[in-house]
Amino acid sequence: MGTRANRLGLALTGLILLLGGLTAAVRGAAFVPHHLGAAHVPVIGRFVRAFADAHLWFWIALAALAVAIGILALSWLGAQGRRPVLRTIRLEPDTRYGATTLSARAVADALEDDLSADPYVRRATAGLTGSRSRPHLLLNVTVDPDADPAAARSSIHEAVERARHALEHDDQPATVRIRVGR
């Protein structure tokens, strides 16, 4: 889910909650009782209660609406933790001079192969997220339990630097997670 959609959704939700809260505060303070009703009168009148009691479908529809809102909220929350994986990255910063693209999977595979040749590394997985013009490297490395931590970190750093140099992105952001295997 894009940041624009997130901001729009959060802004609309915030606006609805703000308006609801202000309406409740104005009604409770009895500022405009002729429009919102008196503060001592129940919000839901006798007619609405009688209608809801007489129609079972009303409660079923209300429950279905609550479940749908809950599912939408959970799917939005789940989407926040996922990062979209890039398929290609752009090597040419200015498209007026041409458009050179490279498979992001090829870059990740090359980095994984580079690290698998390292004697300290047991397993490595790489991926690229972010935008095509500004990719972000995600790297998960499992090192041997008897590996020298400083040497393993140094060799991982060198492999990331080689990948950055090959892509001509010397300032490319990278997140490296190092675990020790069993």
C-alpha atoms as a PDB file:
ATOM      1  CA  MET A   1       0.000   0.000   0.000  1.00  0.00           C
ATOM      2  CA  GLY A   2       1.466   3.327  -1.024  1.00  0.00           C
ATOM      3  CA  THR A   3       2.265   6.153   1.302  1.00  0.00           C
ATOM      4  CA  ARG A   4      -0.260   8.385  -0.444  1.00  0.00           C
ATOM      5  CA  ALA A   5      -3.065   5.888   0.190  1.00  0.00           C
ATOM      6  CA  ASN A   6      -1.915   5.515   3.811  1.00  0.00           C
ATOM      7  CA  ARG A   7      -1.940   9.245   4.382  1.00  0.00           C
ATOM      8  CA  LEU A   8      -5.325   9.677   2.739  1.00  0.00           C
ATOM      9  CA  GLY A   9      -6.865   6.818   4.719  1.00  0.00           C
ATOM     10  CA  LEU A  10      -5.416   8.028   8.001  1.00  0.00           C
ATOM     11  CA  ALA A  11      -6.474  11.615   7.285  1.00  0.00           C
ATOM     12  CA  LEU A  12     -10.062  10.546   6.501  1.00  0.00           C
ATOM     13  CA  THR A  13     -10.218   8.326   9.587  1.00  0.00           C
ATOM     14  CA  GLY A  14      -8.836  11.135  11.739  1.00  0.00           C
ATOM     15  CA  LEU A  15     -11.296  13.635  10.272  1.00  0.00           C
ATOM     16  CA  ILE A  16     -14.275  11.326  10.904  1.00  0.00           C
ATOM     17  CA  LEU A  17     -13.158  10.678  14.487  1.00  0.00           C
ATOM     18  CA  LEU A  18     -12.516  14.383  15.076  1.00  0.00           C
ATOM     19  CA  LEU A  19     -15.952  15.356  13.757  1.00  0.00           C
ATOM     20  CA  GLY A  20     -17.613  12.645  15.846  1.00  0.00           C
ATOM     21  CA  GLY A  21     -15.785  13.756  18.975  1.00  0.00           C
ATOM     22  CA  LEU A  22     -16.581  17.422  18.392  1.00  0.00           C
ATOM     23  CA  THR A  23     -20.235  16.591  17.791  1.00  0.00           C
ATOM     24  CA  ALA A  24     -20.387  14.629  21.048  1.00  0.00           C
ATOM     25  CA  ALA A  25     -18.669  17.468  22.927  1.00  0.00           C
ATOM     26  CA  VAL A  26     -21.019  20.095  21.467  1.00  0.00           C
ATOM     27  CA  ARG A  27     -24.081  17.966  22.285  1.00  0.00           C
ATOM     28  CA  GLY A  28     -22.818  17.240  25.807  1.00  0.00           C
ATOM     29  CA  ALA A  29     -22.214  20.929  26.440  1.00  0.00           C
ATOM     30  CA  ALA A  30     -25.705  21.718  25.050  1.00  0.00           C
ATOM     31  CA  PHE A  31     -24.430  24.468  22.742  1.00  0.00           C
ATOM     32  CA  VAL A  32     -26.993  23.820  19.980  1.00  0.00           C
ATOM     33  CA  PRO A  33     -29.755  21.648  21.507  1.00  0.00           C
ATOM     34  CA  HIS A  34     -32.251  22.477  18.733  1.00  0.00           C
ATOM     35  CA  HIS A  35     -29.970  20.740  16.139  1.00  0.00           C
ATOM     36  CA  LEU A  36     -28.229  17.984  18.086  1.00  0.00           C
ATOM     37  CA  GLY A  37     -30.750  17.391  20.853  1.00  0.00           C
ATOM     38  CA  ALA A  38     -30.614  18.168  24.521  1.00  0.00           C
ATOM     39  CA  ALA A  39     -27.741  16.812  26.587  1.00  0.00           C
ATOM     40  CA  HIS A  40     -30.035  14.801  28.915  1.00  0.00           C
ATOM     41  CA  VAL A  41     -31.984  13.103  26.073  1.00  0.00           C
ATOM     42  CA  PRO A  42     -30.628   9.703  24.865  1.00  0.00           C
ATOM     43  CA  VAL A  43     -28.816   9.836  21.520  1.00  0.00           C
ATOM     44  CA  ILE A  44     -30.813   6.901  20.191  1.00  0.00           C
ATOM     45  CA  GLY A  45     -34.495   7.647  20.468  1.00  0.00           C
ATOM     46  CA  ARG A  46     -37.447   5.358  21.112  1.00  0.00           C
ATOM     47  CA  PHE A  47     -38.231   5.011  17.385  1.00  0.00           C
ATOM     48  CA  VAL A  48     -34.699   3.809  16.515  1.00  0.00           C
ATOM     49  CA  ARG A  49     -34.693   1.345  19.432  1.00  0.00           C
ATOM     50  CA  ALA A  50     -38.100  -0.026  18.421  1.00  0.00           C
ATOM     51  CA  PHE A  51     -36.954  -0.388  14.804  1.00  0.00           C
ATOM     52  CA  ALA A  52     -33.780  -2.232  15.809  1.00  0.00           C
ATOM     53  CA  ASP A  53     -35.717  -4.534  18.168  1.00  0.00           C
ATOM     54  CA  ALA A  54     -38.301  -5.374  15.503  1.00  0.00           C
ATOM     55  CA  HIS A  55     -35.864  -6.151  12.652  1.00  0.00           C
ATOM     56  CA  LEU A  56     -33.305  -8.937  13.040  1.00  0.00           C
ATOM     57  CA  TRP A  57     -31.640  -8.027   9.743  1.00  0.00           C
ATOM     58  CA  PHE A  58     -30.545  -4.706  11.267  1.00  0.00           C
ATOM     59  CA  TRP A  59     -28.333  -6.497  13.807  1.00  0.00           C
ATOM     60  CA  ILE A  60     -27.021  -8.900  11.183  1.00  0.00           C
ATOM     61  CA  ALA A  61     -26.114  -5.995   8.879  1.00  0.00           C
ATOM     62  CA  LEU A  62     -24.501  -4.135  11.775  1.00  0.00           C
ATOM     63  CA  ALA A  63     -22.440  -7.233  12.679  1.00  0.00           C
ATOM     64  CA  ALA A  64     -21.414  -7.726   9.027  1.00  0.00           C
ATOM     65  CA  LEU A  65     -20.337  -4.087   8.807  1.00  0.00           C
ATOM     66  CA  ALA A  66     -18.280  -4.414  11.995  1.00  0.00           C
ATOM     67  CA  VAL A  67     -16.590  -7.589  10.689  1.00  0.00           C
ATOM     68  CA  ALA A  68     -15.835  -5.924   7.325  1.00  0.00           C
ATOM     69  CA  ILE A  69     -14.291  -2.903   9.067  1.00  0.00           C
ATOM     70  CA  GLY A  70     -12.245  -5.247  11.274  1.00  0.00           C
ATOM     71  CA  ILE A  71     -10.966  -7.219   8.271  1.00  0.00           C
ATOM     72  CA  LEU A  72     -10.035  -4.008   6.444  1.00  0.00           C
ATOM     73  CA  ALA A  73      -8.208  -2.719   9.521  1.00  0.00           C
ATOM     74  CA  LEU A  74      -6.290  -5.985   9.945  1.00  0.00           C
ATOM     75  CA  SER A  75      -5.321  -6.126   6.268  1.00  0.00           C
ATOM     76  CA  TRP A  76      -4.104  -2.516   6.434  1.00  0.00           C
ATOM     77  CA  LEU A  77      -2.118  -3.315   9.566  1.00  0.00           C
ATOM     78  CA  GLY A  78      -0.591  -6.381   7.896  1.00  0.00           C
ATOM     79  CA  ALA A  79       0.375  -4.348   4.832  1.00  0.00           C
ATOM     80  CA  GLN A  80       2.370  -1.941   6.979  1.00  0.00           C
ATOM     81  CA  GLY A  81       5.009  -4.568   7.731  1.00  0.00           C
ATOM     82  CA  ARG A  82       5.493  -5.669   4.146  1.00  0.00           C
ATOM     83  CA  ARG A  83       7.822  -3.934   1.787  1.00  0.00           C
ATOM     84  CA  PRO A  84       7.162  -4.252  -1.911  1.00  0.00           C
ATOM     85  CA  VAL A  85       9.943  -6.177  -3.624  1.00  0.00           C
ATOM     86  CA  LEU A  86      11.458  -4.552  -6.692  1.00  0.00           C
ATOM     87  CA  ARG A  87      11.512  -6.414  -9.969  1.00  0.00           C
ATOM     88  CA  THR A  88      13.912  -4.067 -11.777  1.00  0.00           C
ATOM     89  CA  ILE A  89      16.185  -1.233 -10.805  1.00  0.00           C
ATOM     90  CA  ARG A  90      17.155   1.758 -12.893  1.00  0.00           C
ATOM     91  CA  LEU A  91      20.873   2.218 -13.486  1.00  0.00           C
ATOM     92  CA  GLU A  92      20.681   5.418 -15.504  1.00  0.00           C
ATOM     93  CA  PRO A  93      19.723   8.268 -13.158  1.00  0.00           C
ATOM     94  CA  ASP A  94      18.590  10.591 -15.950  1.00  0.00           C
ATOM     95  CA  THR A  95      16.159   8.944 -18.370  1.00  0.00           C
ATOM     96  CA  ARG A  96      16.752  11.651 -20.984  1.00  0.00           C
ATOM     97  CA  TYR A  97      20.016   9.872 -21.839  1.00  0.00           C
ATOM     98  CA  GLY A  98      18.492   6.417 -21.957  1.00  0.00           C
ATOM     99  CA  ALA A  99      16.904   3.906 -19.665  1.00  0.00           C
ATOM    100  CA  THR A 100      19.136   1.118 -18.443  1.00  0.00           C
ATOM    101  CA  THR A 101      17.420  -1.345 -16.151  1.00  0.00           C
ATOM    102  CA  LEU A 102      18.641  -4.443 -14.382  1.00  0.00           C
ATOM    103  CA  SER A 103      16.765  -7.308 -12.826  1.00  0.00           C
ATOM    104  CA  ALA A 104      16.685  -6.840  -9.068  1.00  0.00           C
ATOM    105  CA  ARG A 105      16.691 -10.619  -8.652  1.00  0.00           C
ATOM    106  CA  ALA A 106      19.965 -10.798 -10.633  1.00  0.00           C
ATOM    107  CA  VAL A 107      21.563  -8.309  -8.244  1.00  0.00           C
ATOM    108  CA  ALA A 108      20.270 -10.232  -5.221  1.00  0.00           C
ATOM    109  CA  ASP A 109      21.457 -13.553  -6.664  1.00  0.00           C
ATOM    110  CA  ALA A 110      24.926 -12.143  -7.382  1.00  0.00           C
ATOM    111  CA  LEU A 111      25.209 -10.849  -3.820  1.00  0.00           C
ATOM    112  CA  GLU A 112      23.999 -14.176  -2.414  1.00  0.00           C
ATOM    113  CA  ASP A 113      26.561 -16.033  -4.559  1.00  0.00           C
ATOM    114  CA  ASP A 114      29.295 -13.642  -3.444  1.00  0.00           C
ATOM    115  CA  LEU A 115      28.468 -14.265   0.202  1.00  0.00           C
ATOM    116  CA  SER A 116      28.051 -18.033  -0.187  1.00  0.00           C
ATOM    117  CA  ALA A 117      31.706 -18.227  -1.266  1.00  0.00           C
ATOM    118  CA  ASP A 118      32.691 -16.737   2.085  1.00  0.00           C
ATOM    119  CA  PRO A 119      33.915 -19.364   4.590  1.00  0.00           C
ATOM    120  CA  TYR A 120      32.137 -17.610   7.485  1.00  0.00           C
ATOM    121  CA  VAL A 121      28.703 -17.481   5.861  1.00  0.00           C
ATOM    122  CA  ARG A 122      26.384 -20.456   6.080  1.00  0.00           C
ATOM    123  CA  ARG A 123      23.408 -18.913   4.237  1.00  0.00           C
ATOM    124  CA  ALA A 124      22.490 -15.523   2.761  1.00  0.00           C
ATOM    125  CA  THR A 125      19.294 -14.128   1.266  1.00  0.00           C
ATOM    126  CA  ALA A 126      19.075 -10.757  -0.414  1.00  0.00           C
ATOM    127  CA  GLY A 127      16.312  -8.599  -1.826  1.00  0.00           C
ATOM    128  CA  LEU A 128      15.745  -5.080  -3.049  1.00  0.00           C
ATOM    129  CA  THR A 129      12.884  -2.829  -2.007  1.00  0.00           C
ATOM    130  CA  GLY A 130      12.197   0.874  -2.341  1.00  0.00           C
ATOM    131  CA  SER A 131      11.944   2.652  -5.653  1.00  0.00           C
ATOM    132  CA  ARG A 132      13.523   1.733  -8.976  1.00  0.00           C
ATOM    133  CA  SER A 133      15.763   4.779  -8.891  1.00  0.00           C
ATOM    134  CA  ARG A 134      16.601   4.488  -5.161  1.00  0.00           C
ATOM    135  CA  PRO A 135      16.690   0.790  -4.224  1.00  0.00           C
ATOM    136  CA  HIS A 136      17.141  -0.387  -0.637  1.00  0.00           C
ATOM    137  CA  LEU A 137      19.083  -3.598  -0.035  1.00  0.00           C
ATOM    138  CA  LEU A 138      17.762  -6.100   2.500  1.00  0.00           C
ATOM    139  CA  LEU A 139      20.241  -8.805   3.450  1.00  0.00           C
ATOM    140  CA  ASN A 140      19.811 -11.691   5.886  1.00  0.00           C
ATOM    141  CA  VAL A 141      23.015 -13.572   6.650  1.00  0.00           C
ATOM    142  CA  THR A 142      23.511 -16.644   8.810  1.00  0.00           C
ATOM    143  CA  VAL A 143      27.122 -17.154   9.889  1.00  0.00           C
ATOM    144  CA  ASP A 144      28.738 -20.261  11.325  1.00  0.00           C
ATOM    145  CA  PRO A 145      28.746 -20.434  15.127  1.00  0.00           C
ATOM    146  CA  ASP A 146      32.533 -20.770  15.231  1.00  0.00           C
ATOM    147  CA  ALA A 147      33.131 -17.834  12.845  1.00  0.00           C
ATOM    148  CA  ASP A 148      35.136 -14.846  13.952  1.00  0.00           C
ATOM    149  CA  PRO A 149      32.450 -12.116  14.345  1.00  0.00           C
ATOM    150  CA  ALA A 150      34.698  -9.241  13.260  1.00  0.00           C
ATOM    151  CA  ALA A 151      35.968 -11.101  10.201  1.00  0.00           C
ATOM    152  CA  ALA A 152      32.449 -12.213   9.240  1.00  0.00           C
ATOM    153  CA  ARG A 153      31.130  -8.669   9.586  1.00  0.00           C
ATOM    154  CA  SER A 154      34.040  -7.334   7.552  1.00  0.00           C
ATOM    155  CA  SER A 155      33.510  -9.814   4.709  1.00  0.00           C
ATOM    156  CA  ILE A 156      29.759  -9.075   4.637  1.00  0.00           C
ATOM    157  CA  HIS A 157      30.522  -5.346   4.543  1.00  0.00           C
ATOM    158  CA  GLU A 158      32.957  -5.870   1.659  1.00  0.00           C
ATOM    159  CA  ALA A 159      30.350  -7.858  -0.311  1.00  0.00           C
ATOM    160  CA  VAL A 160      27.771  -5.097   0.184  1.00  0.00           C
ATOM    161  CA  GLU A 161      30.325  -2.491  -0.901  1.00  0.00           C
ATOM    162  CA  ARG A 162      31.105  -4.524  -4.051  1.00  0.00           C
ATOM    163  CA  ALA A 163      27.388  -4.632  -4.870  1.00  0.00           C
ATOM    164  CA  ARG A 164      27.062  -0.883  -4.307  1.00  0.00           C
ATOM    165  CA  HIS A 165      30.084  -0.219  -6.503  1.00  0.00           C
ATOM    166  CA  ALA A 166      28.774  -2.485  -9.271  1.00  0.00           C
ATOM    167  CA  LEU A 167      25.445  -0.644  -9.250  1.00  0.00           C
ATOM    168  CA  GLU A 168      27.187   2.738  -9.044  1.00  0.00           C
ATOM    169  CA  HIS A 169      25.128   3.541  -5.941  1.00  0.00           C
ATOM    170  CA  ASP A 170      27.845   4.197  -3.371  1.00  0.00           C
ATOM    171  CA  ASP A 171      25.298   5.649  -0.948  1.00  0.00           C
ATOM    172  CA  GLN A 172      22.695   2.894  -1.438  1.00  0.00           C
ATOM    173  CA  PRO A 173      20.950   2.173   1.861  1.00  0.00           C
ATOM    174  CA  ALA A 174      21.195  -1.377   3.166  1.00  0.00           C
ATOM    175  CA  THR A 175      19.722  -3.283   6.075  1.00  0.00           C
ATOM    176  CA  VAL A 176      21.850  -6.266   7.078  1.00  0.00           C
ATOM    177  CA  ARG A 177      20.624  -8.789   9.624  1.00  0.00           C
ATOM    178  CA  ILE A 178      23.296 -11.172  10.867  1.00  0.00           C
ATOM    179  CA  ARG A 179      22.364 -14.312  12.783  1.00  0.00           C
ATOM    180  CA  VAL A 180      24.538 -17.050  14.156  1.00  0.00           C
ATOM    181  CA  GLY A 181      23.576 -20.518  12.964  1.00  0.00           C
ATOM    182  CA  ARG A 182      23.296 -23.551  15.217  1.00  0.00           C
END
